[in-house]
Amino acid sequence: MFENYSLREFTDELASSNPTPGGGSVAALVGVLSAGLNCMVYSLTTGKKKFDELEEDCKNEVYNSVDRTKGYLSKFYDFMEEDKRAFELLMSAYRLPKGNEEEITNREEKILENTRGALESPLNFARTAISLFNEIEIATKYGNKGAISDAGVAAILINAAIESASLNVKINLANIPEGEYKNSISREINYIQVESAYKKDKLIRTINNIIDGK
């Protein structure tokens, strides 16, 4: 499992000629880094004097966000593995025999089936990752102001992760026949991209204002 690799082991594997890990797993890894940074902001916040002075409902909001952020961290590790499995299934489908009409038909069906799997993995990641902005917003609101730039980096990273996943969706979607399924996925991933960029820009403006003392 990728989460058990050292940083050097993962990057060496990434730089090799092996097809996995690839862009989809890296997108999920960037999500891991984003969630990890948001957790760090919370670790530098909870238990501090300013935090203890907050109203109980505000503290509970933070504690709940900590739990959710840790949940995203775990989910994003899972997406790294899921993307690898989906791509390997697609490659296996391309290697199926095509010596007669029956084999050709079976191969084409398996390729289509696994192309959907290869696009749905990064799509599901993007669907999940967009919600991390809510936790980064809470960290920005209540977090240790000395770590506010880290919340900003978390926002930039999760947007980059979503943009990266979107490319993986689109390259596989290009091999899907025209129809409502293809149109629906295209509309959804484009919406997620726009929403992600908007949320990132909004958070970065807020964080820059805090840093500038506005």
N, C-alpha and C. Protein backbone atom coordinates (compact mmCIF):
# COMPACT_ATOMS: atom_id res chain seq x y z
N MET A 1 0.85 -1.20 0.00
CA MET A 1 0.00 0.00 0.00
C MET A 1 0.88 1.24 0.00
N PHE A 2 0.46 2.24 -0.77
CA PHE A 2 1.27 3.45 -0.91
C PHE A 2 1.51 4.15 0.43
N GLU A 3 0.54 4.11 1.34
CA GLU A 3 0.71 4.83 2.60
C GLU A 3 1.84 4.25 3.45
N ASN A 4 2.26 3.03 3.14
CA ASN A 4 3.36 2.42 3.88
C ASN A 4 4.72 2.68 3.23
N TYR A 5 4.72 3.33 2.06
CA TYR A 5 5.98 3.67 1.40
C TYR A 5 6.64 4.84 2.11
N SER A 6 7.96 4.86 2.09
CA SER A 6 8.65 6.09 2.47
C SER A 6 8.48 7.09 1.34
N LEU A 7 8.75 8.35 1.64
CA LEU A 7 8.65 9.38 0.61
C LEU A 7 9.57 9.05 -0.56
N ARG A 8 10.78 8.61 -0.26
CA ARG A 8 11.74 8.27 -1.31
C ARG A 8 11.25 7.08 -2.13
N GLU A 9 10.71 6.07 -1.47
CA GLU A 9 10.21 4.89 -2.19
C GLU A 9 9.07 5.27 -3.14
N PHE A 10 8.17 6.12 -2.65
CA PHE A 10 7.04 6.51 -3.48
C PHE A 10 7.50 7.31 -4.69
N THR A 11 8.37 8.27 -4.47
CA THR A 11 8.80 9.12 -5.59
C THR A 11 9.67 8.33 -6.58
N ASP A 12 10.45 7.37 -6.08
CA ASP A 12 11.22 6.52 -7.00
C ASP A 12 10.28 5.70 -7.87
N GLU A 13 9.23 5.15 -7.27
CA GLU A 13 8.25 4.38 -8.03
C GLU A 13 7.51 5.28 -9.02
N LEU A 14 7.19 6.48 -8.57
CA LEU A 14 6.50 7.44 -9.42
C LEU A 14 7.35 7.81 -10.64
N ALA A 15 8.64 7.95 -10.44
CA ALA A 15 9.54 8.37 -11.52
C ALA A 15 9.92 7.23 -12.46
N SER A 16 9.55 6.01 -12.11
CA SER A 16 9.92 4.85 -12.93
C SER A 16 9.00 4.72 -14.14
N SER A 17 9.26 3.71 -14.95
CA SER A 17 8.44 3.46 -16.14
C SER A 17 7.15 2.71 -15.81
N ASN A 18 6.97 2.34 -14.56
CA ASN A 18 5.74 1.65 -14.16
C ASN A 18 4.54 2.59 -14.32
N PRO A 19 3.41 2.09 -14.80
CA PRO A 19 2.25 2.97 -15.03
C PRO A 19 1.57 3.45 -13.76
N THR A 20 1.82 2.76 -12.65
CA THR A 20 1.27 3.22 -11.37
C THR A 20 2.40 3.28 -10.34
N PRO A 21 2.36 4.26 -9.43
CA PRO A 21 1.35 5.31 -9.30
C PRO A 21 1.45 6.33 -10.44
N GLY A 22 0.30 6.92 -10.75
CA GLY A 22 0.26 7.96 -11.78
C GLY A 22 -0.45 9.19 -11.26
N GLY A 23 -0.99 9.96 -12.20
CA GLY A 23 -1.59 11.24 -11.84
C GLY A 23 -2.76 11.14 -10.88
N GLY A 24 -3.54 10.06 -11.00
CA GLY A 24 -4.69 9.91 -10.11
C GLY A 24 -4.28 9.69 -8.67
N SER A 25 -3.29 8.81 -8.46
CA SER A 25 -2.80 8.57 -7.10
C SER A 25 -2.11 9.81 -6.54
N VAL A 26 -1.40 10.53 -7.40
CA VAL A 26 -0.74 11.76 -6.95
C VAL A 26 -1.78 12.81 -6.56
N ALA A 27 -2.87 12.91 -7.32
CA ALA A 27 -3.93 13.85 -6.96
C ALA A 27 -4.45 13.54 -5.56
N ALA A 28 -4.67 12.25 -5.28
CA ALA A 28 -5.14 11.86 -3.95
C ALA A 28 -4.09 12.14 -2.88
N LEU A 29 -2.81 11.94 -3.23
CA LEU A 29 -1.72 12.24 -2.29
C LEU A 29 -1.71 13.73 -1.95
N VAL A 30 -1.92 14.57 -2.93
CA VAL A 30 -1.98 16.02 -2.67
C VAL A 30 -3.15 16.32 -1.73
N GLY A 31 -4.25 15.57 -1.88
CA GLY A 31 -5.36 15.69 -0.93
C GLY A 31 -4.94 15.30 0.47
N VAL A 32 -4.15 14.24 0.58
CA VAL A 32 -3.62 13.82 1.88
C VAL A 32 -2.80 14.95 2.51
N LEU A 33 -1.94 15.58 1.72
CA LEU A 33 -1.11 16.68 2.23
C LEU A 33 -1.97 17.85 2.69
N SER A 34 -3.02 18.14 1.94
CA SER A 34 -3.91 19.24 2.31
C SER A 34 -4.60 18.95 3.64
N ALA A 35 -5.17 17.76 3.76
CA ALA A 35 -5.84 17.39 5.00
C ALA A 35 -4.85 17.34 6.16
N GLY A 36 -3.64 16.87 5.89
CA GLY A 36 -2.62 16.82 6.93
C GLY A 36 -2.25 18.21 7.43
N LEU A 37 -2.13 19.16 6.53
CA LEU A 37 -1.84 20.54 6.93
C LEU A 37 -2.98 21.12 7.77
N ASN A 38 -4.21 20.83 7.37
CA ASN A 38 -5.33 21.35 8.14
C ASN A 38 -5.35 20.75 9.54
N CYS A 39 -5.00 19.46 9.64
CA CYS A 39 -4.87 18.83 10.96
C CYS A 39 -3.79 19.52 11.78
N MET A 40 -2.68 19.89 11.12
CA MET A 40 -1.60 20.55 11.83
C MET A 40 -2.06 21.89 12.41
N VAL A 41 -2.82 22.64 11.62
CA VAL A 41 -3.35 23.92 12.12
C VAL A 41 -4.17 23.68 13.39
N TYR A 42 -4.99 22.65 13.36
CA TYR A 42 -5.79 22.34 14.55
C TYR A 42 -4.93 21.90 15.72
N SER A 43 -3.87 21.13 15.44
CA SER A 43 -2.98 20.68 16.51
C SER A 43 -2.27 21.85 17.18
N LEU A 44 -2.05 22.91 16.42
CA LEU A 44 -1.42 24.12 16.97
C LEU A 44 -2.44 25.09 17.57
N THR A 45 -3.70 24.68 17.56
CA THR A 45 -4.78 25.55 18.03
C THR A 45 -5.42 25.03 19.31
N THR A 46 -5.85 23.78 19.29
CA THR A 46 -6.57 23.22 20.44
C THR A 46 -5.64 23.12 21.64
N GLY A 47 -6.20 23.44 22.81
CA GLY A 47 -5.43 23.39 24.04
C GLY A 47 -4.67 24.67 24.34
N LYS A 48 -4.64 25.60 23.41
CA LYS A 48 -3.98 26.88 23.64
C LYS A 48 -4.92 27.83 24.37
N LYS A 49 -4.36 28.86 25.01
CA LYS A 49 -5.14 29.77 25.83
C LYS A 49 -6.26 30.43 25.05
N LYS A 50 -5.95 30.94 23.86
CA LYS A 50 -6.98 31.62 23.06
C LYS A 50 -8.11 30.67 22.69
N PHE A 51 -7.75 29.42 22.42
CA PHE A 51 -8.78 28.44 22.09
C PHE A 51 -9.66 28.15 23.30
N ASP A 52 -9.03 28.03 24.46
CA ASP A 52 -9.79 27.73 25.68
C ASP A 52 -10.75 28.84 26.04
N GLU A 53 -10.49 30.04 25.55
CA GLU A 53 -11.37 31.18 25.83
C GLU A 53 -12.59 31.23 24.92
N LEU A 54 -12.63 30.39 23.89
CA LEU A 54 -13.77 30.38 22.98
C LEU A 54 -15.02 29.84 23.66
N GLU A 55 -16.17 30.20 23.12
CA GLU A 55 -17.43 29.62 23.59
C GLU A 55 -17.42 28.12 23.32
N GLU A 56 -18.18 27.39 24.13
CA GLU A 56 -18.19 25.93 24.01
C GLU A 56 -18.66 25.47 22.64
N ASP A 57 -19.66 26.17 22.08
CA ASP A 57 -20.16 25.74 20.77
C ASP A 57 -19.10 25.94 19.69
N CYS A 58 -18.27 26.97 19.84
CA CYS A 58 -17.18 27.21 18.88
C CYS A 58 -16.11 26.12 19.01
N LYS A 59 -15.79 25.77 20.25
CA LYS A 59 -14.81 24.71 20.47
C LYS A 59 -15.32 23.38 19.92
N ASN A 60 -16.59 23.11 20.12
CA ASN A 60 -17.16 21.87 19.59
C ASN A 60 -17.14 21.85 18.06
N GLU A 61 -17.35 23.03 17.46
CA GLU A 61 -17.27 23.12 16.00
C GLU A 61 -15.88 22.73 15.51
N VAL A 62 -14.87 23.19 16.24
CA VAL A 62 -13.49 22.85 15.88
C VAL A 62 -13.22 21.37 16.09
N TYR A 63 -13.62 20.84 17.25
CA TYR A 63 -13.38 19.42 17.52
C TYR A 63 -14.04 18.52 16.47
N ASN A 64 -15.25 18.88 16.09
CA ASN A 64 -15.95 18.10 15.06
C ASN A 64 -15.23 18.20 13.71
N SER A 65 -14.70 19.39 13.43
CA SER A 65 -13.96 19.58 12.18
C SER A 65 -12.65 18.79 12.19
N VAL A 66 -12.01 18.72 13.35
CA VAL A 66 -10.79 17.91 13.48
C VAL A 66 -11.09 16.46 13.10
N ASP A 67 -12.19 15.93 13.65
CA ASP A 67 -12.56 14.54 13.35
C ASP A 67 -12.85 14.34 11.87
N ARG A 68 -13.56 15.30 11.28
CA ARG A 68 -13.88 15.17 9.86
C ARG A 68 -12.62 15.25 9.00
N THR A 69 -11.71 16.16 9.37
CA THR A 69 -10.47 16.31 8.60
C THR A 69 -9.64 15.04 8.65
N LYS A 70 -9.57 14.42 9.82
CA LYS A 70 -8.86 13.14 9.94
C LYS A 70 -9.52 12.07 9.09
N GLY A 71 -10.85 12.14 9.01
CA GLY A 71 -11.58 11.21 8.15
C GLY A 71 -11.21 11.38 6.69
N TYR A 72 -11.09 12.64 6.26
CA TYR A 72 -10.67 12.90 4.87
C TYR A 72 -9.26 12.38 4.63
N LEU A 73 -8.40 12.55 5.59
CA LEU A 73 -7.02 12.07 5.47
C LEU A 73 -7.01 10.58 5.16
N SER A 74 -7.80 9.83 5.90
CA SER A 74 -7.89 8.39 5.70
C SER A 74 -8.51 8.05 4.34
N LYS A 75 -9.58 8.76 3.98
CA LYS A 75 -10.25 8.51 2.70
C LYS A 75 -9.32 8.77 1.52
N PHE A 76 -8.52 9.83 1.63
CA PHE A 76 -7.65 10.18 0.51
C PHE A 76 -6.55 9.14 0.31
N TYR A 77 -6.06 8.54 1.42
CA TYR A 77 -5.14 7.42 1.28
C TYR A 77 -5.81 6.28 0.51
N ASP A 78 -7.07 6.01 0.85
CA ASP A 78 -7.81 4.95 0.16
C ASP A 78 -7.95 5.24 -1.33
N PHE A 79 -8.17 6.51 -1.67
CA PHE A 79 -8.30 6.87 -3.09
C PHE A 79 -6.99 6.65 -3.85
N MET A 80 -5.85 6.81 -3.18
CA MET A 80 -4.58 6.52 -3.84
C MET A 80 -4.54 5.07 -4.32
N GLU A 81 -4.99 4.16 -3.47
CA GLU A 81 -5.01 2.74 -3.82
C GLU A 81 -6.10 2.44 -4.85
N GLU A 82 -7.25 3.08 -4.68
CA GLU A 82 -8.37 2.83 -5.59
C GLU A 82 -8.02 3.22 -7.02
N ASP A 83 -7.35 4.35 -7.18
CA ASP A 83 -6.96 4.78 -8.52
C ASP A 83 -6.00 3.78 -9.16
N LYS A 84 -5.07 3.28 -8.37
CA LYS A 84 -4.12 2.28 -8.87
C LYS A 84 -4.86 1.03 -9.34
N ARG A 85 -5.79 0.54 -8.52
CA ARG A 85 -6.54 -0.67 -8.90
C ARG A 85 -7.36 -0.44 -10.16
N ALA A 86 -8.01 0.72 -10.25
CA ALA A 86 -8.86 1.02 -11.41
C ALA A 86 -8.03 1.06 -12.69
N PHE A 87 -6.86 1.67 -12.62
CA PHE A 87 -6.01 1.74 -13.82
C PHE A 87 -5.51 0.35 -14.21
N GLU A 88 -5.15 -0.45 -13.23
CA GLU A 88 -4.65 -1.80 -13.53
C GLU A 88 -5.74 -2.66 -14.17
N LEU A 89 -6.98 -2.51 -13.73
CA LEU A 89 -8.09 -3.23 -14.35
C LEU A 89 -8.28 -2.80 -15.81
N LEU A 90 -8.14 -1.51 -16.05
CA LEU A 90 -8.28 -1.02 -17.43
C LEU A 90 -7.17 -1.58 -18.31
N MET A 91 -5.95 -1.59 -17.81
CA MET A 91 -4.84 -2.14 -18.59
C MET A 91 -5.04 -3.63 -18.85
N SER A 92 -5.59 -4.34 -17.87
CA SER A 92 -5.88 -5.77 -18.05
C SER A 92 -6.90 -5.98 -19.16
N ALA A 93 -7.88 -5.09 -19.22
CA ALA A 93 -8.91 -5.19 -20.27
C ALA A 93 -8.29 -5.02 -21.65
N TYR A 94 -7.35 -4.10 -21.78
CA TYR A 94 -6.70 -3.89 -23.08
C TYR A 94 -5.85 -5.09 -23.50
N ARG A 95 -5.42 -5.89 -22.51
CA ARG A 95 -4.59 -7.05 -22.83
C ARG A 95 -5.41 -8.31 -23.14
N LEU A 96 -6.73 -8.22 -23.08
CA LEU A 96 -7.57 -9.38 -23.38
C LEU A 96 -7.42 -9.80 -24.84
N PRO A 97 -7.58 -11.09 -25.12
CA PRO A 97 -7.42 -11.57 -26.50
C PRO A 97 -8.49 -11.01 -27.43
N LYS A 98 -8.16 -10.93 -28.70
CA LYS A 98 -9.09 -10.42 -29.71
C LYS A 98 -8.96 -11.22 -31.01
N GLY A 99 -8.94 -12.56 -30.82
CA GLY A 99 -8.72 -13.44 -31.96
C GLY A 99 -9.95 -13.76 -32.76
N ASN A 100 -11.14 -13.55 -32.17
CA ASN A 100 -12.38 -13.80 -32.91
C ASN A 100 -13.42 -12.78 -32.48
N GLU A 101 -14.59 -12.83 -33.11
CA GLU A 101 -15.63 -11.83 -32.85
C GLU A 101 -16.07 -11.83 -31.39
N GLU A 102 -16.21 -13.02 -30.82
CA GLU A 102 -16.64 -13.12 -29.42
C GLU A 102 -15.62 -12.48 -28.49
N GLU A 103 -14.36 -12.76 -28.73
CA GLU A 103 -13.30 -12.17 -27.90
C GLU A 103 -13.23 -10.66 -28.10
N ILE A 104 -13.41 -10.22 -29.33
CA ILE A 104 -13.38 -8.78 -29.60
C ILE A 104 -14.50 -8.07 -28.86
N THR A 105 -15.70 -8.65 -28.91
CA THR A 105 -16.85 -8.06 -28.22
C THR A 105 -16.63 -8.02 -26.72
N ASN A 106 -16.14 -9.13 -26.16
CA ASN A 106 -15.87 -9.20 -24.72
C ASN A 106 -14.83 -8.17 -24.32
N ARG A 107 -13.77 -8.05 -25.13
CA ARG A 107 -12.70 -7.09 -24.84
C ARG A 107 -13.24 -5.66 -24.86
N GLU A 108 -14.04 -5.33 -25.87
CA GLU A 108 -14.60 -3.98 -25.96
C GLU A 108 -15.49 -3.66 -24.78
N GLU A 109 -16.29 -4.65 -24.34
CA GLU A 109 -17.18 -4.44 -23.19
C GLU A 109 -16.37 -4.21 -21.92
N LYS A 110 -15.31 -5.00 -21.75
CA LYS A 110 -14.47 -4.86 -20.55
C LYS A 110 -13.72 -3.53 -20.56
N ILE A 111 -13.27 -3.11 -21.73
CA ILE A 111 -12.58 -1.82 -21.82
C ILE A 111 -13.53 -0.69 -21.43
N LEU A 112 -14.76 -0.74 -21.94
CA LEU A 112 -15.73 0.31 -21.61
C LEU A 112 -16.05 0.29 -20.12
N GLU A 113 -16.28 -0.90 -19.59
CA GLU A 113 -16.59 -1.04 -18.16
C GLU A 113 -15.47 -0.48 -17.29
N ASN A 114 -14.25 -0.81 -17.63
CA ASN A 114 -13.12 -0.39 -16.80
C ASN A 114 -12.67 1.04 -17.09
N THR A 115 -13.03 1.56 -18.25
CA THR A 115 -12.81 2.99 -18.50
C THR A 115 -13.71 3.80 -17.58
N ARG A 116 -14.94 3.34 -17.41
CA ARG A 116 -15.83 4.00 -16.45
C ARG A 116 -15.25 3.94 -15.05
N GLY A 117 -14.71 2.78 -14.68
CA GLY A 117 -14.09 2.66 -13.37
C GLY A 117 -12.91 3.59 -13.20
N ALA A 118 -12.12 3.74 -14.26
CA ALA A 118 -10.94 4.59 -14.21
C ALA A 118 -11.29 6.06 -14.12
N LEU A 119 -12.45 6.46 -14.60
CA LEU A 119 -12.85 7.87 -14.48
C LEU A 119 -13.65 8.11 -13.20
N GLU A 120 -14.35 7.07 -12.72
CA GLU A 120 -15.17 7.26 -11.53
C GLU A 120 -14.35 7.34 -10.26
N SER A 121 -13.16 6.74 -10.26
CA SER A 121 -12.29 6.85 -9.09
C SER A 121 -11.86 8.30 -8.85
N PRO A 122 -11.27 9.00 -9.82
CA PRO A 122 -10.93 10.41 -9.59
C PRO A 122 -12.16 11.30 -9.45
N LEU A 123 -13.27 10.92 -10.09
CA LEU A 123 -14.50 11.70 -9.92
C LEU A 123 -14.98 11.62 -8.48
N ASN A 124 -14.98 10.43 -7.91
CA ASN A 124 -15.41 10.28 -6.52
C ASN A 124 -14.45 10.98 -5.57
N PHE A 125 -13.16 10.98 -5.92
CA PHE A 125 -12.21 11.75 -5.12
C PHE A 125 -12.56 13.23 -5.14
N ALA A 126 -12.81 13.77 -6.33
CA ALA A 126 -13.14 15.20 -6.45
C ALA A 126 -14.43 15.52 -5.71
N ARG A 127 -15.42 14.64 -5.81
CA ARG A 127 -16.68 14.84 -5.09
C ARG A 127 -16.45 14.92 -3.58
N THR A 128 -15.53 14.11 -3.10
CA THR A 128 -15.23 14.09 -1.66
C THR A 128 -14.35 15.27 -1.27
N ALA A 129 -13.34 15.53 -2.08
CA ALA A 129 -12.33 16.54 -1.74
C ALA A 129 -12.91 17.94 -1.64
N ILE A 130 -13.92 18.25 -2.43
CA ILE A 130 -14.50 19.60 -2.42
C ILE A 130 -15.00 19.98 -1.03
N SER A 131 -15.40 18.97 -0.24
CA SER A 131 -15.94 19.25 1.09
C SER A 131 -14.85 19.62 2.09
N LEU A 132 -13.58 19.33 1.78
CA LEU A 132 -12.51 19.69 2.70
C LEU A 132 -12.41 21.20 2.85
N PHE A 133 -12.84 21.95 1.85
CA PHE A 133 -12.82 23.41 1.97
C PHE A 133 -13.60 23.88 3.20
N ASN A 134 -14.67 23.18 3.55
CA ASN A 134 -15.45 23.56 4.73
C ASN A 134 -14.60 23.49 5.99
N GLU A 135 -13.77 22.46 6.08
CA GLU A 135 -12.92 22.30 7.26
C GLU A 135 -11.79 23.34 7.26
N ILE A 136 -11.26 23.64 6.09
CA ILE A 136 -10.21 24.67 6.01
C ILE A 136 -10.78 26.03 6.40
N GLU A 137 -12.03 26.27 6.04
CA GLU A 137 -12.68 27.53 6.41
C GLU A 137 -12.82 27.64 7.93
N ILE A 138 -13.16 26.54 8.59
CA ILE A 138 -13.27 26.55 10.05
C ILE A 138 -11.90 26.76 10.68
N ALA A 139 -10.88 26.11 10.13
CA ALA A 139 -9.51 26.30 10.63
C ALA A 139 -9.05 27.74 10.45
N THR A 140 -9.45 28.35 9.36
CA THR A 140 -9.12 29.76 9.11
C THR A 140 -9.81 30.67 10.11
N LYS A 141 -11.02 30.33 10.47
CA LYS A 141 -11.82 31.16 11.38
C LYS A 141 -11.32 31.07 12.82
N TYR A 142 -11.02 29.86 13.26
CA TYR A 142 -10.69 29.66 14.68
C TYR A 142 -9.23 29.28 14.92
N GLY A 143 -8.50 28.99 13.87
CA GLY A 143 -7.16 28.44 14.04
C GLY A 143 -6.13 29.44 14.54
N ASN A 144 -5.03 28.90 15.02
CA ASN A 144 -3.88 29.68 15.46
C ASN A 144 -3.43 30.59 14.31
N LYS A 145 -3.45 31.89 14.57
CA LYS A 145 -3.13 32.84 13.49
C LYS A 145 -1.68 32.74 13.04
N GLY A 146 -0.84 32.16 13.89
CA GLY A 146 0.55 31.94 13.49
C GLY A 146 0.69 30.84 12.45
N ALA A 147 -0.37 30.06 12.29
CA ALA A 147 -0.36 28.95 11.32
C ALA A 147 -1.36 29.20 10.19
N ILE A 148 -1.82 30.44 10.08
CA ILE A 148 -2.87 30.73 9.10
C ILE A 148 -2.39 30.50 7.66
N SER A 149 -1.10 30.71 7.43
CA SER A 149 -0.58 30.46 6.07
C SER A 149 -0.66 28.98 5.71
N ASP A 150 -0.58 28.11 6.71
CA ASP A 150 -0.68 26.68 6.45
C ASP A 150 -2.10 26.30 6.02
N ALA A 151 -3.08 26.98 6.59
CA ALA A 151 -4.46 26.78 6.13
C ALA A 151 -4.59 27.22 4.67
N GLY A 152 -3.89 28.30 4.32
CA GLY A 152 -3.90 28.77 2.94
C GLY A 152 -3.27 27.76 1.99
N VAL A 153 -2.15 27.18 2.41
CA VAL A 153 -1.51 26.16 1.58
C VAL A 153 -2.43 24.95 1.43
N ALA A 154 -3.14 24.60 2.51
CA ALA A 154 -4.10 23.48 2.44
C ALA A 154 -5.18 23.76 1.40
N ALA A 155 -5.65 25.01 1.34
CA ALA A 155 -6.67 25.39 0.35
C ALA A 155 -6.11 25.30 -1.07
N ILE A 156 -4.89 25.79 -1.25
CA ILE A 156 -4.26 25.73 -2.57
C ILE A 156 -4.06 24.28 -3.01
N LEU A 157 -3.63 23.44 -2.07
CA LEU A 157 -3.37 22.04 -2.40
C LEU A 157 -4.63 21.27 -2.76
N ILE A 158 -5.70 21.48 -2.01
CA ILE A 158 -6.91 20.69 -2.31
C ILE A 158 -7.50 21.14 -3.64
N ASN A 159 -7.35 22.42 -3.97
CA ASN A 159 -7.79 22.86 -5.30
C ASN A 159 -6.93 22.21 -6.38
N ALA A 160 -5.61 22.15 -6.15
CA ALA A 160 -4.72 21.50 -7.12
C ALA A 160 -5.06 20.01 -7.26
N ALA A 161 -5.40 19.38 -6.14
CA ALA A 161 -5.77 17.96 -6.18
C ALA A 161 -7.03 17.75 -7.01
N ILE A 162 -8.00 18.63 -6.83
CA ILE A 162 -9.26 18.52 -7.59
C ILE A 162 -9.02 18.80 -9.07
N GLU A 163 -8.20 19.80 -9.38
CA GLU A 163 -7.86 20.08 -10.78
C GLU A 163 -7.18 18.86 -11.41
N SER A 164 -6.28 18.25 -10.66
CA SER A 164 -5.55 17.08 -11.17
C SER A 164 -6.48 15.91 -11.40
N ALA A 165 -7.37 15.66 -10.43
CA ALA A 165 -8.34 14.57 -10.58
C ALA A 165 -9.25 14.82 -11.78
N SER A 166 -9.60 16.08 -11.99
CA SER A 166 -10.48 16.43 -13.11
C SER A 166 -9.86 16.05 -14.45
N LEU A 167 -8.55 16.26 -14.58
CA LEU A 167 -7.87 15.87 -15.82
C LEU A 167 -7.96 14.36 -16.03
N ASN A 168 -7.84 13.60 -14.94
CA ASN A 168 -7.93 12.15 -15.05
C ASN A 168 -9.34 11.71 -15.42
N VAL A 169 -10.34 12.42 -14.92
CA VAL A 169 -11.71 12.14 -15.33
C VAL A 169 -11.86 12.38 -16.83
N LYS A 170 -11.38 13.54 -17.27
CA LYS A 170 -11.62 13.96 -18.66
C LYS A 170 -10.88 13.10 -19.68
N ILE A 171 -9.68 12.65 -19.35
CA ILE A 171 -8.94 11.85 -20.33
C ILE A 171 -9.61 10.49 -20.53
N ASN A 172 -10.23 9.96 -19.48
CA ASN A 172 -10.97 8.71 -19.62
C ASN A 172 -12.35 8.94 -20.22
N LEU A 173 -12.94 10.07 -19.90
CA LEU A 173 -14.26 10.39 -20.44
C LEU A 173 -14.22 10.52 -21.96
N ALA A 174 -13.07 10.92 -22.48
CA ALA A 174 -12.92 11.06 -23.94
C ALA A 174 -13.12 9.73 -24.66
N ASN A 175 -12.94 8.62 -23.94
CA ASN A 175 -13.09 7.29 -24.55
C ASN A 175 -14.46 6.67 -24.29
N ILE A 176 -15.37 7.45 -23.73
CA ILE A 176 -16.73 6.99 -23.48
C ILE A 176 -17.62 7.43 -24.64
N PRO A 177 -18.49 6.55 -25.14
CA PRO A 177 -19.39 6.95 -26.23
C PRO A 177 -20.28 8.12 -25.84
N GLU A 178 -20.66 8.91 -26.82
CA GLU A 178 -21.55 10.04 -26.58
C GLU A 178 -22.87 9.55 -25.99
N GLY A 179 -23.41 10.33 -25.07
CA GLY A 179 -24.68 9.95 -24.45
C GLY A 179 -24.86 10.69 -23.15
N GLU A 180 -25.96 10.41 -22.45
CA GLU A 180 -26.30 11.14 -21.23
C GLU A 180 -25.28 10.90 -20.12
N TYR A 181 -24.78 9.66 -20.02
CA TYR A 181 -23.77 9.37 -18.99
C TYR A 181 -22.57 10.29 -19.17
N LYS A 182 -22.05 10.36 -20.39
CA LYS A 182 -20.88 11.19 -20.67
C LYS A 182 -21.19 12.66 -20.42
N ASN A 183 -22.34 13.12 -20.87
CA ASN A 183 -22.72 14.52 -20.69
C ASN A 183 -22.88 14.88 -19.22
N SER A 184 -23.49 13.96 -18.46
CA SER A 184 -23.71 14.20 -17.04
C SER A 184 -22.40 14.31 -16.28
N ILE A 185 -21.47 13.39 -16.55
CA ILE A 185 -20.16 13.42 -15.88
C ILE A 185 -19.40 14.68 -16.26
N SER A 186 -19.46 15.06 -17.53
CA SER A 186 -18.76 16.26 -17.99
C SER A 186 -19.28 17.50 -17.27
N ARG A 187 -20.60 17.61 -17.16
CA ARG A 187 -21.18 18.77 -16.47
C ARG A 187 -20.76 18.79 -15.00
N GLU A 188 -20.80 17.62 -14.38
CA GLU A 188 -20.48 17.56 -12.95
C GLU A 188 -19.04 17.92 -12.66
N ILE A 189 -18.11 17.35 -13.42
CA ILE A 189 -16.71 17.62 -13.12
C ILE A 189 -16.35 19.07 -13.43
N ASN A 190 -16.96 19.65 -14.45
CA ASN A 190 -16.73 21.07 -14.73
C ASN A 190 -17.25 21.94 -13.61
N TYR A 191 -18.42 21.58 -13.06
CA TYR A 191 -18.98 22.33 -11.94
C TYR A 191 -18.06 22.24 -10.72
N ILE A 192 -17.57 21.04 -10.43
CA ILE A 192 -16.69 20.86 -9.27
C ILE A 192 -15.43 21.71 -9.43
N GLN A 193 -14.87 21.74 -10.63
CA GLN A 193 -13.67 22.55 -10.88
C GLN A 193 -13.93 24.03 -10.60
N VAL A 194 -15.03 24.54 -11.11
CA VAL A 194 -15.36 25.96 -10.92
C VAL A 194 -15.60 26.25 -9.45
N GLU A 195 -16.34 25.37 -8.78
CA GLU A 195 -16.65 25.57 -7.36
C GLU A 195 -15.38 25.52 -6.52
N SER A 196 -14.48 24.60 -6.85
CA SER A 196 -13.22 24.48 -6.13
C SER A 196 -12.37 25.74 -6.26
N ALA A 197 -12.25 26.25 -7.47
CA ALA A 197 -11.46 27.46 -7.70
C ALA A 197 -12.05 28.64 -6.94
N TYR A 198 -13.38 28.73 -6.93
CA TYR A 198 -14.06 29.82 -6.22
C TYR A 198 -13.78 29.73 -4.72
N LYS A 199 -13.91 28.54 -4.16
CA LYS A 199 -13.69 28.36 -2.72
C LYS A 199 -12.25 28.64 -2.34
N LYS A 200 -11.33 28.19 -3.18
CA LYS A 200 -9.91 28.44 -2.92
C LYS A 200 -9.62 29.93 -2.94
N ASP A 201 -10.08 30.62 -3.97
CA ASP A 201 -9.82 32.06 -4.09
C ASP A 201 -10.42 32.83 -2.92
N LYS A 202 -11.61 32.45 -2.50
CA LYS A 202 -12.27 33.12 -1.37
C LYS A 202 -11.46 32.94 -0.09
N LEU A 203 -11.00 31.72 0.16
CA LEU A 203 -10.21 31.47 1.36
C LEU A 203 -8.88 32.20 1.32
N ILE A 204 -8.23 32.22 0.17
CA ILE A 204 -6.93 32.89 0.07
C ILE A 204 -7.08 34.39 0.29
N ARG A 205 -8.16 34.98 -0.22
CA ARG A 205 -8.40 36.41 0.05
C ARG A 205 -8.56 36.65 1.55
N THR A 206 -9.34 35.80 2.20
CA THR A 206 -9.55 35.94 3.65
C THR A 206 -8.24 35.80 4.40
N ILE A 207 -7.45 34.81 4.04
CA ILE A 207 -6.19 34.55 4.73
C ILE A 207 -5.19 35.68 4.50
N ASN A 208 -5.11 36.19 3.29
CA ASN A 208 -4.23 37.33 3.03
C ASN A 208 -4.65 38.55 3.84
N ASN A 209 -5.95 38.76 4.00
CA ASN A 209 -6.44 39.88 4.81
C ASN A 209 -6.05 39.71 6.27
N ILE A 210 -6.13 38.47 6.77
CA ILE A 210 -5.73 38.21 8.15
C ILE A 210 -4.24 38.47 8.33
N ILE A 211 -3.44 37.98 7.39
CA ILE A 211 -1.99 38.19 7.46
C ILE A 211 -1.65 39.68 7.40
N ASP A 212 -2.39 40.42 6.58
CA ASP A 212 -2.15 41.87 6.44
C ASP A 212 -2.77 42.68 7.56
N GLY A 213 -3.45 42.01 8.49
CA GLY A 213 -4.05 42.70 9.63
C GLY A 213 -5.30 43.46 9.31
N LYS A 214 -6.02 43.07 8.27
CA LYS A 214 -7.24 43.78 7.88
C LYS A 214 -8.46 43.18 8.57
